[in-house]
Amino acid sequence: MKLLKYYTKSPEVTTLCELLHQQGYNIKISDSFSLEVDVAVKDFQRKNSLVVDGIVGMKTWTVLLQKNAAPAPTNSTDKFLKESDLANFAHQYGLELAAVKAVNEIESSGKGFLINNKPKILFEGHIFWSELKKRGIDPNAYYNANHKDVLYPKWTKIYYQGGVKEYDRLNEAIALGIDPKFKDAALSSASWGSFQIMGFHAKPLGYTDTADFVSKMELNEGEHLKAFGRFLEVNKILTHLKNKNWASFAKAYNGAGYKQNKYDEKLAKAYAKYAKN
């Protein structure tokens, strides 16, 4: 594993944060080695008789991974996408492989599963608000300070936790009410897997319901890729990806707020990297 230390910014830091979270450290999960991550690393090193230097090298990685070790899922090697899967997908839809890889990288940092073998998700509290309303539930009745991180009327990213901690938010939303509609609304309000497709797209994409969609997302990244293909077709945005029209693609795929998150710029940069190689 890559050597990490204070101020490092890389995808490996996200994995580090997830491992530390599994050990009970309440830190923000991101790709930035912040001061709070440094404090957590030093505390972990201290408690495990390691050199307390805040540097995550081979010894610290080894102990962290051992402490978080879990039985590998059945056919674990089949859980992840292979180069050939992406190449076949690109051929099937008439896309450039570099373009497919760009979306895969930007949407989920190139991985569809977390260290706990659950699909990667991002819970959206403003979508939960609207999904409850669709089911005849007044979200105002549950809108209070105790649940402000999972239920709010307008989009904001201040409550994002990232990684495995997004499941804490999902479960909090599910537990808001005993009516099964709460669980269905909550599952519909998260984006799932390698291509971060929202649960509320389940039926339009041909799944029986949201639960059916989620069960497929839990299987492997191959199912994530299938859902991505369906999404491109149903929403008629294949042309944007074929033409590498990143602004139009980002708007159709991520919504009108894509500019705020610079999705089009990130996609263009990732594409350029893969096209060059």
Protein backbone atom coordinates (compact mmCIF):
# COMPACT_ATOMS: atom_id res chain seq x y z
CA MET A 1 0.00 0.00 0.00
CA LYS A 2 1.05 3.58 -0.60
CA LEU A 3 2.89 5.44 2.16
CA LEU A 4 0.62 8.15 3.57
CA LYS A 5 1.16 11.07 5.91
CA TYR A 6 -0.27 14.44 6.92
CA TYR A 7 -1.36 16.53 3.90
CA THR A 8 -1.37 13.55 1.49
CA LYS A 9 -4.32 13.59 -0.91
CA SER A 10 -5.04 10.32 -2.72
CA PRO A 11 -7.70 7.56 -3.05
CA GLU A 12 -5.71 5.44 -0.59
CA VAL A 13 -6.47 8.00 2.14
CA THR A 14 -10.18 7.21 1.71
CA THR A 15 -9.43 3.54 2.39
CA LEU A 16 -7.35 4.55 5.41
CA CYS A 17 -10.25 6.62 6.78
CA GLU A 18 -12.68 3.75 6.29
CA LEU A 19 -10.38 1.35 8.13
CA LEU A 20 -9.97 3.81 11.00
CA HIS A 21 -13.74 4.33 11.14
CA GLN A 22 -14.16 0.56 11.48
CA GLN A 23 -11.87 0.82 14.51
CA GLY A 24 -14.14 3.39 16.14
CA TYR A 25 -12.58 6.68 15.04
CA ASN A 26 -15.25 9.24 14.21
CA ILE A 27 -13.45 11.00 11.38
CA LYS A 28 -14.58 12.44 8.07
CA ILE A 29 -14.01 9.96 5.28
CA SER A 30 -12.30 11.65 2.36
CA ASP A 31 -9.19 11.46 0.22
CA SER A 32 -7.40 14.13 2.28
CA PHE A 33 -5.04 13.23 5.14
CA SER A 34 -6.32 15.94 7.49
CA LEU A 35 -5.28 16.86 11.02
CA GLU A 36 -8.05 14.71 12.51
CA VAL A 37 -6.83 11.73 10.46
CA ASP A 38 -3.30 12.40 11.73
CA VAL A 39 -4.56 12.40 15.32
CA ALA A 40 -6.48 9.16 14.74
CA VAL A 41 -3.48 7.46 13.13
CA LYS A 42 -1.18 8.42 16.00
CA ASP A 43 -3.73 7.19 18.55
CA PHE A 44 -4.06 3.89 16.66
CA GLN A 45 -0.28 3.52 16.52
CA ARG A 46 0.01 4.26 20.22
CA LYS A 47 -2.64 1.68 21.16
CA ASN A 48 -1.04 -0.98 18.98
CA SER A 49 2.58 -0.54 20.10
CA LEU A 50 3.69 0.97 16.79
CA VAL A 51 6.04 3.89 16.28
CA VAL A 52 3.88 6.97 16.85
CA ASP A 53 4.86 9.13 13.89
CA GLY A 54 1.57 9.58 12.02
CA ILE A 55 3.09 7.96 8.94
CA VAL A 56 1.06 5.10 7.50
CA GLY A 57 3.66 2.76 6.10
CA MET A 58 3.86 -1.02 5.78
CA LYS A 59 3.64 -1.78 9.52
CA THR A 60 0.66 0.48 10.21
CA TRP A 61 -1.15 -0.75 7.08
CA THR A 62 -0.51 -4.36 8.11
CA VAL A 63 -1.94 -3.93 11.62
CA LEU A 64 -4.93 -1.93 10.35
CA LEU A 65 -5.78 -4.53 7.74
CA GLN A 66 -5.35 -7.39 10.22
CA LYS A 67 -7.67 -5.72 12.71
CA ASN A 68 -10.29 -5.15 10.01
CA ALA A 69 -9.90 -8.58 8.46
CA ALA A 70 -13.18 -10.27 7.55
CA PRO A 71 -13.99 -13.50 5.69
CA ALA A 72 -13.82 -12.90 1.95
CA PRO A 73 -17.18 -13.15 0.18
CA THR A 74 -17.88 -16.18 -2.00
CA ASN A 75 -16.36 -15.76 -5.44
CA SER A 76 -14.85 -12.47 -4.28
CA THR A 77 -12.71 -12.22 -7.43
CA ASP A 78 -15.92 -12.10 -9.47
CA LYS A 79 -17.20 -9.12 -7.49
CA PHE A 80 -15.12 -6.53 -9.30
CA LEU A 81 -15.00 -5.24 -12.85
CA LYS A 82 -12.21 -6.37 -15.13
CA GLU A 83 -10.68 -4.49 -18.04
CA SER A 84 -12.45 -6.88 -20.41
CA ASP A 85 -15.84 -6.02 -18.86
CA LEU A 86 -15.36 -2.34 -19.60
CA ALA A 87 -14.02 -3.08 -23.07
CA ASN A 88 -17.01 -5.31 -23.90
CA PHE A 89 -19.39 -2.67 -22.57
CA ALA A 90 -17.76 0.03 -24.67
CA HIS A 91 -18.06 -2.18 -27.76
CA GLN A 92 -21.71 -3.05 -27.00
CA TYR A 93 -22.76 0.59 -26.79
CA GLY A 94 -20.39 2.01 -29.40
CA LEU A 95 -18.42 4.01 -26.85
CA GLU A 96 -14.75 4.81 -26.48
CA LEU A 97 -13.22 2.77 -23.67
CA ALA A 98 -11.50 5.87 -22.27
CA ALA A 99 -14.90 7.57 -21.92
CA VAL A 100 -16.36 4.63 -19.99
CA LYS A 101 -13.33 4.56 -17.71
CA ALA A 102 -13.66 8.29 -17.09
CA VAL A 103 -17.23 7.96 -15.81
CA ASN A 104 -16.26 4.94 -13.72
CA GLU A 105 -13.46 6.89 -12.06
CA ILE A 106 -15.28 10.15 -11.39
CA GLU A 107 -18.52 8.65 -10.11
CA SER A 108 -16.99 6.30 -7.55
CA SER A 109 -13.18 6.65 -7.65
CA GLY A 110 -13.08 3.45 -9.66
CA LYS A 111 -14.55 1.17 -7.00
CA GLY A 112 -18.13 0.09 -6.45
CA PHE A 113 -17.72 -1.62 -3.07
CA LEU A 114 -16.50 -0.52 0.33
CA ILE A 115 -14.18 -2.34 2.71
CA ASN A 116 -17.23 -3.93 4.40
CA ASN A 117 -18.21 -5.51 1.04
CA LYS A 118 -21.27 -3.30 0.70
CA PRO A 119 -21.89 -1.29 -2.46
CA LYS A 120 -20.69 2.29 -2.33
CA ILE A 121 -23.53 4.74 -1.69
CA LEU A 122 -24.19 8.43 -1.15
CA PHE A 123 -27.37 9.32 0.74
CA GLU A 124 -29.25 12.45 -0.34
CA GLY A 125 -31.45 13.99 2.35
CA HIS A 126 -33.25 16.35 -0.03
CA ILE A 127 -34.23 13.41 -2.24
CA PHE A 128 -35.49 11.60 0.88
CA TRP A 129 -37.69 14.63 1.52
CA SER A 130 -39.29 14.39 -1.93
CA GLU A 131 -39.50 10.58 -1.87
CA LEU A 132 -41.46 10.69 1.39
CA LYS A 133 -43.87 13.20 -0.17
CA LYS A 134 -44.37 10.88 -3.16
CA ARG A 135 -45.51 8.20 -0.72
CA GLY A 136 -47.99 10.45 1.03
CA ILE A 137 -45.79 11.13 4.06
CA ASP A 138 -45.34 14.73 5.19
CA PRO A 139 -41.58 15.24 5.73
CA ASN A 140 -42.24 18.33 7.84
CA ALA A 141 -43.56 16.05 10.57
CA TYR A 142 -40.09 14.49 10.90
CA TYR A 143 -37.98 17.56 10.16
CA ASN A 144 -36.06 18.45 13.32
CA ALA A 145 -32.56 18.94 14.70
CA ASN A 146 -32.21 15.26 15.61
CA HIS A 147 -32.45 14.19 11.98
CA LYS A 148 -31.22 17.24 10.10
CA ASP A 149 -28.39 15.20 8.57
CA VAL A 150 -30.74 12.86 6.67
CA LEU A 151 -33.90 14.90 6.00
CA TYR A 152 -33.86 18.42 4.57
CA PRO A 153 -35.80 20.24 1.84
CA LYS A 154 -32.90 21.56 -0.28
CA TRP A 155 -29.67 20.02 -1.54
CA THR A 156 -26.54 20.48 0.52
CA LYS A 157 -23.37 18.47 0.84
CA ILE A 158 -22.53 19.53 4.39
CA TYR A 159 -23.94 16.28 5.80
CA TYR A 160 -22.07 13.93 3.49
CA GLN A 161 -19.93 11.51 5.49
CA GLY A 162 -18.49 9.34 2.75
CA GLY A 163 -17.56 5.66 2.67
CA VAL A 164 -19.07 3.27 5.19
CA LYS A 165 -20.49 6.17 7.22
CA GLU A 166 -23.09 6.81 4.51
CA TYR A 167 -24.76 3.59 5.68
CA ASP A 168 -25.18 5.18 9.10
CA ARG A 169 -27.16 7.97 7.44
CA LEU A 170 -29.17 5.50 5.34
CA ASN A 171 -30.07 3.44 8.41
CA GLU A 172 -30.98 6.58 10.34
CA ALA A 173 -33.39 7.54 7.57
CA ILE A 174 -34.94 4.05 7.48
CA ALA A 175 -35.48 4.17 11.25
CA LEU A 176 -37.44 7.44 11.09
CA GLY A 177 -40.74 5.56 10.80
CA ILE A 178 -42.14 2.05 11.20
CA ASP A 179 -44.07 2.24 7.93
CA PRO A 180 -42.25 0.16 5.24
CA LYS A 181 -42.58 3.22 3.00
CA PHE A 182 -39.75 4.84 4.97
CA LYS A 183 -37.32 2.08 3.99
CA ASP A 184 -38.38 2.19 0.36
CA ALA A 185 -38.05 5.98 0.31
CA ALA A 186 -34.63 5.83 1.98
CA LEU A 187 -33.25 3.20 -0.43
CA SER A 188 -34.58 5.32 -3.30
CA SER A 189 -32.71 8.34 -1.94
CA ALA A 190 -29.20 6.87 -2.17
CA SER A 191 -26.99 6.57 -5.24
CA TRP A 192 -25.58 3.06 -5.63
CA GLY A 193 -22.46 1.34 -6.86
CA SER A 194 -19.72 2.10 -9.35
CA PHE A 195 -21.86 4.48 -11.38
CA GLN A 196 -23.79 6.01 -8.48
CA ILE A 197 -27.29 5.51 -9.88
CA MET A 198 -30.10 6.75 -7.66
CA GLY A 199 -32.45 4.15 -6.23
CA PHE A 200 -35.53 5.98 -7.50
CA HIS A 201 -34.51 5.02 -11.05
CA ALA A 202 -35.17 1.34 -10.29
CA LYS A 203 -38.51 0.85 -12.06
CA PRO A 204 -37.73 3.03 -15.11
CA LEU A 205 -34.59 0.91 -15.58
CA GLY A 206 -36.59 -2.31 -15.58
CA TYR A 207 -36.14 -3.52 -12.01
CA THR A 208 -39.19 -4.86 -10.14
CA ASP A 209 -38.80 -2.24 -7.41
CA THR A 210 -36.13 -0.43 -5.41
CA ALA A 211 -35.43 -3.47 -3.24
CA ASP A 212 -34.81 -5.55 -6.37
CA PHE A 213 -32.42 -2.89 -7.70
CA VAL A 214 -30.51 -2.74 -4.40
CA SER A 215 -30.22 -6.54 -4.23
CA LYS A 216 -28.60 -6.50 -7.69
CA MET A 217 -26.22 -3.72 -6.66
CA GLU A 218 -25.12 -5.87 -3.72
CA LEU A 219 -24.00 -8.69 -6.02
CA ASN A 220 -21.08 -7.34 -8.03
CA GLU A 221 -19.78 -4.48 -10.15
CA GLY A 222 -20.95 -6.28 -13.27
CA GLU A 223 -24.51 -5.51 -12.15
CA HIS A 224 -23.49 -1.89 -11.62
CA LEU A 225 -22.29 -1.78 -15.22
CA LYS A 226 -25.57 -3.27 -16.48
CA ALA A 227 -27.53 -0.61 -14.61
CA PHE A 228 -25.30 2.07 -16.12
CA GLY A 229 -26.03 0.80 -19.62
CA ARG A 230 -29.77 0.79 -18.94
CA PHE A 231 -29.54 4.32 -17.55
CA LEU A 232 -27.76 5.61 -20.63
CA GLU A 233 -30.37 4.08 -22.93
CA VAL A 234 -33.50 4.99 -20.98
CA ASN A 235 -32.40 8.59 -20.47
CA LYS A 236 -31.11 8.93 -24.04
CA ILE A 237 -27.69 10.26 -23.10
CA LEU A 238 -25.53 7.80 -25.02
CA THR A 239 -24.95 10.43 -27.69
CA HIS A 240 -23.38 12.85 -25.21
CA LEU A 241 -20.95 10.18 -24.05
CA LYS A 242 -20.17 9.09 -27.61
CA ASN A 243 -19.38 12.68 -28.56
CA LYS A 244 -17.52 13.37 -25.31
CA ASN A 245 -19.80 16.34 -24.75
CA TRP A 246 -18.97 16.42 -21.06
CA ALA A 247 -21.15 19.38 -20.09
CA SER A 248 -24.28 17.86 -21.65
CA PHE A 249 -23.46 14.43 -20.25
CA ALA A 250 -22.79 15.78 -16.74
CA LYS A 251 -26.04 17.77 -16.76
CA ALA A 252 -28.07 14.73 -17.84
CA TYR A 253 -26.28 12.35 -15.50
CA ASN A 254 -25.68 14.49 -12.40
CA GLY A 255 -28.39 17.13 -12.69
CA ALA A 256 -28.42 20.88 -13.11
CA GLY A 257 -25.94 21.39 -10.26
CA TYR A 258 -23.14 19.61 -12.10
CA LYS A 259 -21.20 22.85 -12.57
CA GLN A 260 -20.98 23.40 -8.84
CA ASN A 261 -19.15 20.10 -8.45
CA LYS A 262 -17.21 20.58 -11.71
CA TYR A 263 -18.31 17.15 -12.97
CA ASP A 264 -17.78 18.13 -16.60
CA GLU A 265 -14.24 19.32 -15.93
CA LYS A 266 -13.39 16.21 -13.89
CA LEU A 267 -14.77 13.92 -16.60
CA ALA A 268 -12.83 15.72 -19.32
CA LYS A 269 -9.61 15.47 -17.33
CA ALA A 270 -10.11 11.77 -16.59
CA TYR A 271 -10.94 11.06 -20.22
CA ALA A 272 -7.81 12.83 -21.40
CA LYS A 273 -5.73 10.68 -19.06
CA TYR A 274 -7.21 7.38 -20.29
CA ALA A 275 -7.22 8.44 -23.95
CA LYS A 276 -3.52 9.28 -23.71
CA ASN A 277 -2.75 5.83 -22.34
